[in-house]
Amino acid sequence: MRAAISTAEVGDDVWGDDPTVTALEVEVAQLLGKEAGLYVSSGTQSNLCALMAHCQRGEEYIVGDNAHTYRYEAGGAAVLGSIQPQPVTTLPDGRLDLDHVASVIKPDDAHFARSRLLSLENTHDGMVLSLDYQREATDLARSRGLSCHLDGARLWNAAVALGVAPSVVAAPFDTVSVCLSKGLGAPVGSVLVGSEALISAARRWRKMLGGGMRQAGVIAAGGRYAVANNIDRLAEDHANAEALAAGLGSIDGVTVTKQATNMVFVRFDVDPAPVVDALAANEIQAAVNGNTSRMVTHLDLSRADVDKTIAVIASALA
């Protein structure tokens, strides 16, 4: 990846003539079965550009109350897009209750914000939405005149877990945002894909949001390498997460509350301070918030690293 970055051919992407950026956008759009792509600096910017391309001021999007676009992206849709979020309860498995979704879609009445978009997330906390559920949710949305967006930051993990091509996961949605810097290991960036018209609108919003980049080929090259080489190997991360969950689950004082794809959620039933100190002393980066932690496996972690983490935590709590 570093070699690809060091030899990247560049231009000026604000003018649309950086060949490496253009190649990345075309490749990801084709991989996801969409007409066009837009390279952006982050998943937050990608989702915001999508929401603003779909919705006008005073319109609303329907979203899970634990979804990244609603909870962890600083309220950008409301603040910068004047788009009203209509949150619905996120179920424990990452789905939204579709009866609840249907109940909050507004009638065509001047008293209400106009319901315009349904936004889903796959994976959510590592959990994979089934293809049948995605289709059912998007069919409901379209039957009521809504468009559909997928925050697919970890869509690659969902595709590997389901054993399908990424385009199959992306198929029911008008726009899809995918991250290059999580499981795929690129240094920076996301790609938003959709129709030519939606991506053209999103490109204008990207410029307005300060996301126009000049010789961006030097980072896009890392993204191209990641997409070409690092998707199938995500299965290793899933296997490592399973091994981590099994090992931590055998330690007295630790409860594994959930393991899905490359994420392990744990609760410490005793004072976690010794664990925090031991992890830091052994140069293992894992945040412990209160008595819980979300641990994520990725391409820079080996099975030996997983085994070491288990051993360090077990020793700290012994």
C-alpha atoms as a PDB file:
ATOM      1  CA  MET A   1       0.000   0.000   0.000  1.00  0.00           C
ATOM      2  CA  ARG A   2       2.827   2.416   0.824  1.00  0.00           C
ATOM      3  CA  ALA A   3       4.473   1.583  -2.492  1.00  0.00           C
ATOM      4  CA  ALA A   4       1.226   2.299  -4.333  1.00  0.00           C
ATOM      5  CA  ILE A   5       0.925   5.629  -2.535  1.00  0.00           C
ATOM      6  CA  SER A   6       4.508   6.606  -3.307  1.00  0.00           C
ATOM      7  CA  THR A   7       4.050   6.043  -7.037  1.00  0.00           C
ATOM      8  CA  ALA A   8       0.515   7.418  -7.384  1.00  0.00           C
ATOM      9  CA  GLU A   9      -0.285   9.475 -10.463  1.00  0.00           C
ATOM     10  CA  VAL A  10      -2.005  12.664  -9.367  1.00  0.00           C
ATOM     11  CA  GLY A  11      -3.875  15.626 -10.763  1.00  0.00           C
ATOM     12  CA  ASP A  12      -6.361  18.116  -9.320  1.00  0.00           C
ATOM     13  CA  ASP A  13      -9.498  16.367  -8.108  1.00  0.00           C
ATOM     14  CA  VAL A  14     -11.384  19.640  -7.593  1.00  0.00           C
ATOM     15  CA  TRP A  15     -11.255  19.911 -11.387  1.00  0.00           C
ATOM     16  CA  GLY A  16     -11.941  16.188 -11.754  1.00  0.00           C
ATOM     17  CA  ASP A  17      -8.601  15.367 -13.328  1.00  0.00           C
ATOM     18  CA  ASP A  18      -6.819  13.289 -10.677  1.00  0.00           C
ATOM     19  CA  PRO A  19      -6.629   9.921 -12.458  1.00  0.00           C
ATOM     20  CA  THR A  20      -6.089   7.894  -9.298  1.00  0.00           C
ATOM     21  CA  VAL A  21      -9.127   9.385  -7.567  1.00  0.00           C
ATOM     22  CA  THR A  22     -11.236   8.870 -10.674  1.00  0.00           C
ATOM     23  CA  ALA A  23     -10.107   5.255 -10.964  1.00  0.00           C
ATOM     24  CA  LEU A  24     -11.002   4.621  -7.304  1.00  0.00           C
ATOM     25  CA  GLU A  25     -14.458   6.132  -7.742  1.00  0.00           C
ATOM     26  CA  VAL A  26     -15.145   4.057 -10.860  1.00  0.00           C
ATOM     27  CA  GLU A  27     -13.831   0.835  -9.318  1.00  0.00           C
ATOM     28  CA  VAL A  28     -15.843   1.137  -6.101  1.00  0.00           C
ATOM     29  CA  ALA A  29     -19.004   2.133  -7.983  1.00  0.00           C
ATOM     30  CA  GLN A  30     -18.656  -0.907 -10.223  1.00  0.00           C
ATOM     31  CA  LEU A  31     -17.902  -3.178  -7.279  1.00  0.00           C
ATOM     32  CA  LEU A  32     -21.105  -2.019  -5.587  1.00  0.00           C
ATOM     33  CA  GLY A  33     -23.221  -2.085  -8.740  1.00  0.00           C
ATOM     34  CA  LYS A  34     -23.856   1.669  -8.931  1.00  0.00           C
ATOM     35  CA  GLU A  35     -23.418   4.253 -11.691  1.00  0.00           C
ATOM     36  CA  ALA A  36     -20.981   6.647 -10.024  1.00  0.00           C
ATOM     37  CA  GLY A  37     -18.779   7.209  -6.994  1.00  0.00           C
ATOM     38  CA  LEU A  38     -17.443  10.124  -4.963  1.00  0.00           C
ATOM     39  CA  TYR A  39     -14.230   9.977  -2.907  1.00  0.00           C
ATOM     40  CA  VAL A  40     -14.474  11.883   0.374  1.00  0.00           C
ATOM     41  CA  SER A  41     -12.275  12.354   3.394  1.00  0.00           C
ATOM     42  CA  SER A  42     -14.416  10.492   5.934  1.00  0.00           C
ATOM     43  CA  GLY A  43     -17.513   8.412   6.524  1.00  0.00           C
ATOM     44  CA  THR A  44     -19.119  11.337   8.320  1.00  0.00           C
ATOM     45  CA  GLN A  45     -18.686  13.522   5.250  1.00  0.00           C
ATOM     46  CA  SER A  46     -19.868  10.731   2.984  1.00  0.00           C
ATOM     47  CA  ASN A  47     -23.093  10.211   4.923  1.00  0.00           C
ATOM     48  CA  LEU A  48     -23.726  13.951   5.172  1.00  0.00           C
ATOM     49  CA  CYS A  49     -23.238  14.472   1.436  1.00  0.00           C
ATOM     50  CA  ALA A  50     -25.706  11.636   0.816  1.00  0.00           C
ATOM     51  CA  LEU A  51     -28.335  12.991   3.203  1.00  0.00           C
ATOM     52  CA  MET A  52     -28.056  16.471   1.704  1.00  0.00           C
ATOM     53  CA  ALA A  53     -28.307  15.072  -1.831  1.00  0.00           C
ATOM     54  CA  HIS A  54     -31.520  13.254  -0.906  1.00  0.00           C
ATOM     55  CA  CYS A  55     -33.210  15.808   1.363  1.00  0.00           C
ATOM     56  CA  GLN A  56     -34.035  19.492   1.118  1.00  0.00           C
ATOM     57  CA  ARG A  57     -34.255  21.879   4.061  1.00  0.00           C
ATOM     58  CA  GLY A  58     -37.190  21.036   6.313  1.00  0.00           C
ATOM     59  CA  GLU A  59     -37.420  17.445   5.141  1.00  0.00           C
ATOM     60  CA  GLU A  60     -36.623  14.467   7.329  1.00  0.00           C
ATOM     61  CA  TYR A  61     -34.798  11.185   7.276  1.00  0.00           C
ATOM     62  CA  ILE A  62     -35.786   8.128   9.313  1.00  0.00           C
ATOM     63  CA  VAL A  63     -32.886   6.555  11.176  1.00  0.00           C
ATOM     64  CA  GLY A  64     -32.093   4.259  14.086  1.00  0.00           C
ATOM     65  CA  ASP A  65     -31.550   5.972  17.426  1.00  0.00           C
ATOM     66  CA  ASN A  66     -28.190   4.227  17.787  1.00  0.00           C
ATOM     67  CA  ALA A  67     -27.119   4.720  14.168  1.00  0.00           C
ATOM     68  CA  HIS A  68     -23.818   6.405  13.457  1.00  0.00           C
ATOM     69  CA  THR A  69     -25.395   9.071  11.249  1.00  0.00           C
ATOM     70  CA  TYR A  70     -27.739  10.080  14.068  1.00  0.00           C
ATOM     71  CA  ARG A  71     -25.694   9.604  17.219  1.00  0.00           C
ATOM     72  CA  TYR A  72     -22.018   9.976  16.348  1.00  0.00           C
ATOM     73  CA  GLU A  73     -21.767  12.488  13.501  1.00  0.00           C
ATOM     74  CA  ALA A  74     -22.250  15.705  15.506  1.00  0.00           C
ATOM     75  CA  GLY A  75     -25.776  16.376  14.290  1.00  0.00           C
ATOM     76  CA  GLY A  76     -24.487  17.458  10.899  1.00  0.00           C
ATOM     77  CA  ALA A  77     -27.678  16.662   8.994  1.00  0.00           C
ATOM     78  CA  ALA A  78     -29.669  19.010  11.226  1.00  0.00           C
ATOM     79  CA  VAL A  79     -27.009  21.682  11.690  1.00  0.00           C
ATOM     80  CA  LEU A  80     -25.615  21.907   8.163  1.00  0.00           C
ATOM     81  CA  GLY A  81     -28.411  20.387   6.072  1.00  0.00           C
ATOM     82  CA  SER A  82     -31.480  21.626   8.004  1.00  0.00           C
ATOM     83  CA  ILE A  83     -32.657  18.017   7.731  1.00  0.00           C
ATOM     84  CA  GLN A  84     -34.795  16.744  10.596  1.00  0.00           C
ATOM     85  CA  PRO A  85     -33.879  13.296  11.908  1.00  0.00           C
ATOM     86  CA  GLN A  86     -36.781  11.058  12.863  1.00  0.00           C
ATOM     87  CA  PRO A  87     -35.196   8.433  15.121  1.00  0.00           C
ATOM     88  CA  VAL A  88     -36.746   5.030  15.723  1.00  0.00           C
ATOM     89  CA  THR A  89     -35.638   2.389  18.202  1.00  0.00           C
ATOM     90  CA  THR A  90     -32.657   0.301  17.153  1.00  0.00           C
ATOM     91  CA  LEU A  91     -33.360  -3.316  18.053  1.00  0.00           C
ATOM     92  CA  PRO A  92     -30.672  -5.441  19.765  1.00  0.00           C
ATOM     93  CA  ASP A  93     -29.759  -7.103  16.462  1.00  0.00           C
ATOM     94  CA  GLY A  94     -29.292  -3.801  14.623  1.00  0.00           C
ATOM     95  CA  ARG A  95     -32.616  -3.836  12.771  1.00  0.00           C
ATOM     96  CA  LEU A  96     -35.306  -1.176  12.936  1.00  0.00           C
ATOM     97  CA  ASP A  97     -38.845  -2.328  13.715  1.00  0.00           C
ATOM     98  CA  LEU A  98     -40.562  -1.812  10.389  1.00  0.00           C
ATOM     99  CA  ASP A  99     -43.970  -1.256  11.978  1.00  0.00           C
ATOM    100  CA  HIS A 100     -42.361   1.588  13.909  1.00  0.00           C
ATOM    101  CA  VAL A 101     -40.767   2.900  10.714  1.00  0.00           C
ATOM    102  CA  ALA A 102     -44.129   2.841   8.947  1.00  0.00           C
ATOM    103  CA  SER A 103     -45.817   4.643  11.837  1.00  0.00           C
ATOM    104  CA  VAL A 104     -43.459   7.642  11.723  1.00  0.00           C
ATOM    105  CA  ILE A 105     -43.676   8.288   7.968  1.00  0.00           C
ATOM    106  CA  LYS A 106     -45.524  11.585   7.767  1.00  0.00           C
ATOM    107  CA  PRO A 107     -48.615  12.274   5.682  1.00  0.00           C
ATOM    108  CA  ASP A 108     -48.482  15.030   3.071  1.00  0.00           C
ATOM    109  CA  ASP A 109     -49.516  17.751   5.495  1.00  0.00           C
ATOM    110  CA  ALA A 110     -48.044  21.228   5.971  1.00  0.00           C
ATOM    111  CA  HIS A 111     -47.826  20.628   9.712  1.00  0.00           C
ATOM    112  CA  PHE A 112     -45.092  18.030   9.293  1.00  0.00           C
ATOM    113  CA  ALA A 113     -41.607  17.750   7.914  1.00  0.00           C
ATOM    114  CA  ARG A 114     -41.783  15.784   4.672  1.00  0.00           C
ATOM    115  CA  SER A 115     -40.491  12.219   5.104  1.00  0.00           C
ATOM    116  CA  ARG A 116     -37.910  11.753   2.372  1.00  0.00           C
ATOM    117  CA  LEU A 117     -35.346   9.076   3.227  1.00  0.00           C
ATOM    118  CA  LEU A 118     -34.784   5.839   5.166  1.00  0.00           C
ATOM    119  CA  SER A 119     -31.212   5.331   6.383  1.00  0.00           C
ATOM    120  CA  LEU A 120     -29.967   1.916   7.537  1.00  0.00           C
ATOM    121  CA  GLU A 121     -26.568   0.729   8.765  1.00  0.00           C
ATOM    122  CA  ASN A 122     -24.840  -2.551   7.870  1.00  0.00           C
ATOM    123  CA  THR A 123     -22.992  -3.754   9.849  1.00  0.00           C
ATOM    124  CA  HIS A 124     -24.281  -2.214  13.070  1.00  0.00           C
ATOM    125  CA  ASP A 125     -22.090  -2.870  16.116  1.00  0.00           C
ATOM    126  CA  GLY A 126     -20.640  -5.657  13.997  1.00  0.00           C
ATOM    127  CA  MET A 127     -24.049  -7.259  13.461  1.00  0.00           C
ATOM    128  CA  VAL A 128     -25.079  -8.100   9.912  1.00  0.00           C
ATOM    129  CA  LEU A 129     -28.476  -7.141   8.547  1.00  0.00           C
ATOM    130  CA  SER A 130     -29.883  -9.979   6.482  1.00  0.00           C
ATOM    131  CA  LEU A 131     -30.518  -9.502   2.791  1.00  0.00           C
ATOM    132  CA  ASP A 132     -34.195 -10.332   3.315  1.00  0.00           C
ATOM    133  CA  TYR A 133     -34.518  -7.643   5.981  1.00  0.00           C
ATOM    134  CA  GLN A 134     -32.782  -5.054   3.808  1.00  0.00           C
ATOM    135  CA  ARG A 135     -35.149  -5.808   0.959  1.00  0.00           C
ATOM    136  CA  GLU A 136     -38.222  -5.705   3.203  1.00  0.00           C
ATOM    137  CA  ALA A 137     -37.173  -2.369   4.712  1.00  0.00           C
ATOM    138  CA  THR A 138     -36.382  -0.713   1.390  1.00  0.00           C
ATOM    139  CA  ASP A 139     -39.565  -2.071  -0.192  1.00  0.00           C
ATOM    140  CA  LEU A 140     -41.546  -0.465   2.626  1.00  0.00           C
ATOM    141  CA  ALA A 141     -39.720   2.831   2.169  1.00  0.00           C
ATOM    142  CA  ARG A 142     -40.291   2.949  -1.572  1.00  0.00           C
ATOM    143  CA  SER A 143     -43.944   2.006  -1.226  1.00  0.00           C
ATOM    144  CA  ARG A 144     -44.319   5.202   0.809  1.00  0.00           C
ATOM    145  CA  GLY A 145     -42.298   7.379  -1.572  1.00  0.00           C
ATOM    146  CA  LEU A 146     -38.994   7.373   0.358  1.00  0.00           C
ATOM    147  CA  SER A 147     -35.483   6.921  -1.004  1.00  0.00           C
ATOM    148  CA  CYS A 148     -32.970   4.655   0.758  1.00  0.00           C
ATOM    149  CA  HIS A 149     -29.414   5.221   2.006  1.00  0.00           C
ATOM    150  CA  LEU A 150     -27.040   2.682   3.546  1.00  0.00           C
ATOM    151  CA  ASP A 151     -24.285   3.645   5.934  1.00  0.00           C
ATOM    152  CA  GLY A 152     -22.128   0.749   4.818  1.00  0.00           C
ATOM    153  CA  ALA A 153     -18.913   1.797   6.519  1.00  0.00           C
ATOM    154  CA  ARG A 154     -18.403  -1.895   7.255  1.00  0.00           C
ATOM    155  CA  LEU A 155     -20.400  -3.248   4.307  1.00  0.00           C
ATOM    156  CA  TRP A 156     -17.310  -5.244   3.363  1.00  0.00           C
ATOM    157  CA  ASN A 157     -17.578  -7.189   6.637  1.00  0.00           C
ATOM    158  CA  ALA A 158     -21.266  -7.820   6.010  1.00  0.00           C
ATOM    159  CA  ALA A 159     -20.568  -9.155   2.509  1.00  0.00           C
ATOM    160  CA  VAL A 160     -17.840 -11.499   3.744  1.00  0.00           C
ATOM    161  CA  ALA A 161     -20.008 -12.745   6.614  1.00  0.00           C
ATOM    162  CA  LEU A 162     -22.937 -13.360   4.260  1.00  0.00           C
ATOM    163  CA  GLY A 163     -20.726 -14.957   1.607  1.00  0.00           C
ATOM    164  CA  VAL A 164     -21.991 -12.645  -1.149  1.00  0.00           C
ATOM    165  CA  ALA A 165     -20.524  -9.990  -3.423  1.00  0.00           C
ATOM    166  CA  PRO A 166     -20.531  -6.432  -2.032  1.00  0.00           C
ATOM    167  CA  SER A 167     -22.935  -5.421  -4.799  1.00  0.00           C
ATOM    168  CA  VAL A 168     -25.557  -7.778  -3.372  1.00  0.00           C
ATOM    169  CA  VAL A 169     -25.528  -5.958  -0.040  1.00  0.00           C
ATOM    170  CA  ALA A 170     -25.630  -2.572  -1.786  1.00  0.00           C
ATOM    171  CA  ALA A 171     -28.340  -3.490  -4.319  1.00  0.00           C
ATOM    172  CA  PRO A 172     -31.526  -2.254  -2.555  1.00  0.00           C
ATOM    173  CA  PHE A 173     -30.187   1.229  -1.799  1.00  0.00           C
ATOM    174  CA  ASP A 174     -30.095   4.445  -3.804  1.00  0.00           C
ATOM    175  CA  THR A 175     -26.857   5.555  -2.150  1.00  0.00           C
ATOM    176  CA  VAL A 176     -24.250   3.633  -0.173  1.00  0.00           C
ATOM    177  CA  SER A 177     -21.308   4.931   1.838  1.00  0.00           C
ATOM    178  CA  VAL A 178     -18.350   2.577   2.319  1.00  0.00           C
ATOM    179  CA  CYS A 179     -15.236   3.138   4.409  1.00  0.00           C
ATOM    180  CA  LEU A 180     -11.713   2.422   3.201  1.00  0.00           C
ATOM    181  CA  SER A 181      -9.920   3.093   6.499  1.00  0.00           C
ATOM    182  CA  LYS A 182     -11.481   0.547   8.863  1.00  0.00           C
ATOM    183  CA  GLY A 183     -11.203  -3.148   8.055  1.00  0.00           C
ATOM    184  CA  LEU A 184      -9.601  -2.484   4.676  1.00  0.00           C
ATOM    185  CA  GLY A 185      -6.724  -0.583   6.251  1.00  0.00           C
ATOM    186  CA  ALA A 186      -6.337   2.451   3.990  1.00  0.00           C
ATOM    187  CA  PRO A 187      -5.006   5.567   5.744  1.00  0.00           C
ATOM    188  CA  VAL A 188      -8.022   7.770   5.025  1.00  0.00           C
ATOM    189  CA  GLY A 189     -11.247   8.063   3.081  1.00  0.00           C
ATOM    190  CA  SER A 190     -14.676   6.764   2.173  1.00  0.00           C
ATOM    191  CA  VAL A 191     -16.544   6.453  -1.113  1.00  0.00           C
ATOM    192  CA  LEU A 192     -20.191   7.340  -1.684  1.00  0.00           C
ATOM    193  CA  VAL A 193     -21.871   5.560  -4.594  1.00  0.00           C
ATOM    194  CA  GLY A 194     -25.218   5.953  -6.322  1.00  0.00           C
ATOM    195  CA  SER A 195     -26.790   7.236  -9.511  1.00  0.00           C
ATOM    196  CA  GLU A 196     -25.043   9.822 -11.653  1.00  0.00           C
ATOM    197  CA  ALA A 197     -27.583  12.453 -10.603  1.00  0.00           C
ATOM    198  CA  LEU A 198     -27.275  11.816  -6.858  1.00  0.00           C
ATOM    199  CA  ILE A 199     -23.489  11.695  -6.959  1.00  0.00           C
ATOM    200  CA  SER A 200     -23.402  14.930  -8.953  1.00  0.00           C
ATOM    201  CA  ALA A 201     -25.466  16.591  -6.228  1.00  0.00           C
ATOM    202  CA  ALA A 202     -23.292  15.043  -3.518  1.00  0.00           C
ATOM    203  CA  ARG A 203     -20.142  16.322  -5.235  1.00  0.00           C
ATOM    204  CA  ARG A 204     -21.479  19.864  -5.008  1.00  0.00           C
ATOM    205  CA  TRP A 205     -22.201  19.391  -1.305  1.00  0.00           C
ATOM    206  CA  ARG A 206     -18.709  17.972  -0.797  1.00  0.00           C
ATOM    207  CA  LYS A 207     -17.246  21.180  -2.189  1.00  0.00           C
ATOM    208  CA  MET A 208     -19.455  23.330   0.022  1.00  0.00           C
ATOM    209  CA  LEU A 209     -18.493  21.286   3.095  1.00  0.00           C
ATOM    210  CA  GLY A 210     -14.814  21.932   2.425  1.00  0.00           C
ATOM    211  CA  GLY A 211     -14.154  18.454   1.099  1.00  0.00           C
ATOM    212  CA  GLY A 212     -12.712  19.362  -2.282  1.00  0.00           C
ATOM    213  CA  MET A 213      -9.193  17.897  -2.354  1.00  0.00           C
ATOM    214  CA  ARG A 214      -6.424  18.732  -4.796  1.00  0.00           C
ATOM    215  CA  GLN A 215      -3.735  16.078  -5.436  1.00  0.00           C
ATOM    216  CA  ALA A 216      -5.762  13.478  -3.545  1.00  0.00           C
ATOM    217  CA  GLY A 217      -4.393  10.601  -5.611  1.00  0.00           C
ATOM    218  CA  VAL A 218      -1.699  10.058  -2.988  1.00  0.00           C
ATOM    219  CA  ILE A 219      -4.355   8.889  -0.516  1.00  0.00           C
ATOM    220  CA  ALA A 220      -6.762   7.453  -3.073  1.00  0.00           C
ATOM    221  CA  ALA A 221      -3.989   5.064  -4.137  1.00  0.00           C
ATOM    222  CA  GLY A 222      -4.088   3.537  -0.660  1.00  0.00           C
ATOM    223  CA  GLY A 223      -7.821   3.107  -1.037  1.00  0.00           C
ATOM    224  CA  ARG A 224      -7.439   1.416  -4.423  1.00  0.00           C
ATOM    225  CA  TYR A 225      -4.919  -1.015  -2.975  1.00  0.00           C
ATOM    226  CA  ALA A 226      -7.180  -1.720  -0.001  1.00  0.00           C
ATOM    227  CA  VAL A 227     -10.207  -2.503  -2.168  1.00  0.00           C
ATOM    228  CA  ALA A 228      -8.184  -4.693  -4.519  1.00  0.00           C
ATOM    229  CA  ASN A 229      -6.404  -6.695  -1.814  1.00  0.00           C
ATOM    230  CA  ASN A 230      -8.027  -6.514   1.607  1.00  0.00           C
ATOM    231  CA  ILE A 231     -11.695  -7.504   1.305  1.00  0.00           C
ATOM    232  CA  ASP A 232     -11.534 -11.305   1.348  1.00  0.00           C
ATOM    233  CA  ARG A 233      -9.032 -11.298   4.222  1.00  0.00           C
ATOM    234  CA  LEU A 234     -11.695  -9.778   6.501  1.00  0.00           C
ATOM    235  CA  ALA A 235     -12.649 -13.382   7.252  1.00  0.00           C
ATOM    236  CA  GLU A 236      -9.421 -13.554   9.277  1.00  0.00           C
ATOM    237  CA  ASP A 237     -10.600 -10.637  11.421  1.00  0.00           C
ATOM    238  CA  HIS A 238     -13.901 -12.399  12.045  1.00  0.00           C
ATOM    239  CA  ALA A 239     -12.094 -15.578  13.077  1.00  0.00           C
ATOM    240  CA  ASN A 240      -9.781 -13.591  15.352  1.00  0.00           C
ATOM    241  CA  ALA A 241     -12.778 -11.918  16.973  1.00  0.00           C
ATOM    242  CA  GLU A 242     -14.332 -15.317  17.622  1.00  0.00           C
ATOM    243  CA  ALA A 243     -11.080 -16.494  19.224  1.00  0.00           C
ATOM    244  CA  LEU A 244     -10.885 -13.319  21.318  1.00  0.00           C
ATOM    245  CA  ALA A 245     -14.463 -13.770  22.516  1.00  0.00           C
ATOM    246  CA  ALA A 246     -13.856 -17.403  23.420  1.00  0.00           C
ATOM    247  CA  GLY A 247     -10.695 -16.581  25.322  1.00  0.00           C
ATOM    248  CA  LEU A 248     -12.105 -13.630  27.233  1.00  0.00           C
ATOM    249  CA  GLY A 249     -15.257 -15.562  28.030  1.00  0.00           C
ATOM    250  CA  SER A 250     -13.188 -18.116  29.930  1.00  0.00           C
ATOM    251  CA  ILE A 251     -11.763 -15.514  32.342  1.00  0.00           C
ATOM    252  CA  ASP A 252     -13.396 -15.046  35.734  1.00  0.00           C
ATOM    253  CA  GLY A 253     -14.682 -11.495  36.033  1.00  0.00           C
ATOM    254  CA  VAL A 254     -15.219 -10.997  32.300  1.00  0.00           C
ATOM    255  CA  THR A 255     -18.529 -11.437  30.499  1.00  0.00           C
ATOM    256  CA  VAL A 256     -18.671 -11.383  26.704  1.00  0.00           C
ATOM    257  CA  THR A 257     -21.985  -9.725  25.961  1.00  0.00           C
ATOM    258  CA  LYS A 258     -21.761  -9.978  22.193  1.00  0.00           C
ATOM    259  CA  GLN A 259     -19.456 -11.001  19.354  1.00  0.00           C
ATOM    260  CA  ALA A 260     -20.322 -10.203  15.756  1.00  0.00           C
ATOM    261  CA  THR A 261     -18.029 -10.142  12.706  1.00  0.00           C
ATOM    262  CA  ASN A 262     -14.902  -8.295  13.906  1.00  0.00           C
ATOM    263  CA  MET A 263     -16.267  -6.827  17.149  1.00  0.00           C
ATOM    264  CA  VAL A 264     -16.270  -8.193  20.684  1.00  0.00           C
ATOM    265  CA  PHE A 265     -18.244  -6.472  23.441  1.00  0.00           C
ATOM    266  CA  VAL A 266     -17.224  -7.278  27.012  1.00  0.00           C
ATOM    267  CA  ARG A 267     -18.280  -6.319  30.514  1.00  0.00           C
ATOM    268  CA  PHE A 268     -15.891  -6.444  33.443  1.00  0.00           C
ATOM    269  CA  ASP A 269     -17.725  -7.726  36.504  1.00  0.00           C
ATOM    270  CA  VAL A 270     -14.888  -6.600  38.770  1.00  0.00           C
ATOM    271  CA  ASP A 271     -12.854  -3.378  38.967  1.00  0.00           C
ATOM    272  CA  PRO A 272     -11.298  -3.001  35.460  1.00  0.00           C
ATOM    273  CA  ALA A 273      -8.481  -0.698  36.634  1.00  0.00           C
ATOM    274  CA  PRO A 274      -5.882  -3.514  36.650  1.00  0.00           C
ATOM    275  CA  VAL A 275      -6.928  -4.410  33.096  1.00  0.00           C
ATOM    276  CA  VAL A 276      -6.561  -0.813  31.906  1.00  0.00           C
ATOM    277  CA  ASP A 277      -3.085  -0.583  33.442  1.00  0.00           C
ATOM    278  CA  ALA A 278      -1.985  -3.967  32.091  1.00  0.00           C
ATOM    279  CA  LEU A 279      -3.169  -3.199  28.556  1.00  0.00           C
ATOM    280  CA  ALA A 280      -1.304   0.115  28.557  1.00  0.00           C
ATOM    281  CA  ALA A 281       1.853  -1.504  29.953  1.00  0.00           C
ATOM    282  CA  ASN A 282       1.765  -4.072  27.146  1.00  0.00           C
ATOM    283  CA  GLU A 283       1.058  -1.496  24.393  1.00  0.00           C
ATOM    284  CA  ILE A 284      -2.395  -2.914  23.669  1.00  0.00           C
ATOM    285  CA  GLN A 285      -4.815  -0.206  22.634  1.00  0.00           C
ATOM    286  CA  ALA A 286      -8.310  -0.978  23.913  1.00  0.00           C
ATOM    287  CA  ALA A 287     -10.616   1.598  25.459  1.00  0.00           C
ATOM    288  CA  VAL A 288     -12.465   0.621  28.633  1.00  0.00           C
ATOM    289  CA  ASN A 289     -15.428   2.901  29.315  1.00  0.00           C
ATOM    290  CA  GLY A 290     -16.696   2.383  32.831  1.00  0.00           C
ATOM    291  CA  ASN A 291     -16.766  -1.393  32.997  1.00  0.00           C
ATOM    292  CA  THR A 292     -17.359  -2.139  29.313  1.00  0.00           C
ATOM    293  CA  SER A 293     -15.255  -2.301  26.180  1.00  0.00           C
ATOM    294  CA  ARG A 294     -15.771  -2.785  22.453  1.00  0.00           C
ATOM    295  CA  MET A 295     -12.740  -4.580  21.048  1.00  0.00           C
ATOM    296  CA  VAL A 296     -12.239  -4.602  17.284  1.00  0.00           C
ATOM    297  CA  THR A 297      -9.954  -6.909  15.311  1.00  0.00           C
ATOM    298  CA  HIS A 298      -8.333  -5.679  12.097  1.00  0.00           C
ATOM    299  CA  LEU A 299      -5.627  -6.414   9.568  1.00  0.00           C
ATOM    300  CA  ASP A 300      -2.774  -5.217  11.809  1.00  0.00           C
ATOM    301  CA  LEU A 301      -3.660  -7.804  14.482  1.00  0.00           C
ATOM    302  CA  SER A 302      -2.515 -11.415  14.281  1.00  0.00           C
ATOM    303  CA  ARG A 303      -3.788 -14.443  16.172  1.00  0.00           C
ATOM    304  CA  ALA A 304      -0.678 -14.104  18.335  1.00  0.00           C
ATOM    305  CA  ASP A 305      -1.799 -10.574  19.243  1.00  0.00           C
ATOM    306  CA  VAL A 306      -5.219 -11.925  20.184  1.00  0.00           C
ATOM    307  CA  ASP A 307      -3.657 -14.619  22.357  1.00  0.00           C
ATOM    308  CA  LYS A 308      -1.431 -12.016  24.024  1.00  0.00           C
ATOM    309  CA  THR A 309      -4.422  -9.806  24.796  1.00  0.00           C
ATOM    310  CA  ILE A 310      -6.287 -12.697  26.391  1.00  0.00           C
ATOM    311  CA  ALA A 311      -3.244 -13.609  28.465  1.00  0.00           C
ATOM    312  CA  VAL A 312      -2.637 -10.019  29.623  1.00  0.00           C
ATOM    313  CA  ILE A 313      -6.261  -9.592  30.750  1.00  0.00           C
ATOM    314  CA  ALA A 314      -6.315 -12.979  32.450  1.00  0.00           C
ATOM    315  CA  SER A 315      -3.108 -12.166  34.322  1.00  0.00           C
ATOM    316  CA  ALA A 316      -4.408  -8.743  35.382  1.00  0.00           C
ATOM    317  CA  LEU A 317      -7.522 -10.247  36.882  1.00  0.00           C
ATOM    318  CA  ALA A 318      -5.867 -13.311  38.415  1.00  0.00           C
END
